[in-house]
Amino acid sequence: METPIFVASYVLLWLIVLLQSTVVIALIRRVSLDSSSKPEWSYRVQPLDQGSTAPEFAAMSLHDSSTITSKDFQGKRILLGFVTAGCVKCDEAVAQAPTVAKNYSASIVLLCGSTKRDCQEHFSNIRIDDGAIFLFDEGAGIAGMYGVYGAPVFVLVDSDWRIEKYGAPHDEGHLETISTESQMIKQ
């Protein structure tokens, strides 16, 4: 004859098995959904209208931790580069940024959307002779204001702080010609 303790433990055991099975099924579904979705680093740009006023921002300099604002660039043409630490295509694009900036007579401002520590460690080793400014884009908030949801992406802002162009190198061939009109995208 079965005791009440045996019955209670038997029922409890099956409840635990049922709960664990539910958790495992949920995890399997989540993994299968994640693996079939588009990777996060893909180039997704929802650009602001050409000629529209560029959003103002404030960000921390990765070199000296000072706060840099968009007002610091008033009257200057700027090539904003949205990059992340550890991104090979971003590093290649950063290396080409001086050529792109020179073609457009623009100053270079690079915004890193990774963690602050990753940005500081990664970009402390990268130097650009043309006086590029490296900024920390906390939570990729500035990128979001500019409609940028991937990296690398460039935005050319004119001296009146209006959007001129967007550009995103999609592969090796595009990286070599990012400064040409055909590579600057406007969707």
Foldseek 3Di string as FASTA:
>chain_A
DDDPVNVVVVVVVVVVVVVVVVVVVVVVVVVVVVVPDDDQQAWFFDADDFFAFQDKDWFAFLPPRDIDIPVVLAQFKEKEWEAEAPDPLQVLLVQCVVVLCVVVVGAYEYEYADDSVRQSVRCVPDDDPRPYTYTYCYNCPSCVSRRTRHDTKIWIAHNNRGTHFIFHQRDDVCSVVRNDPVRTDDD
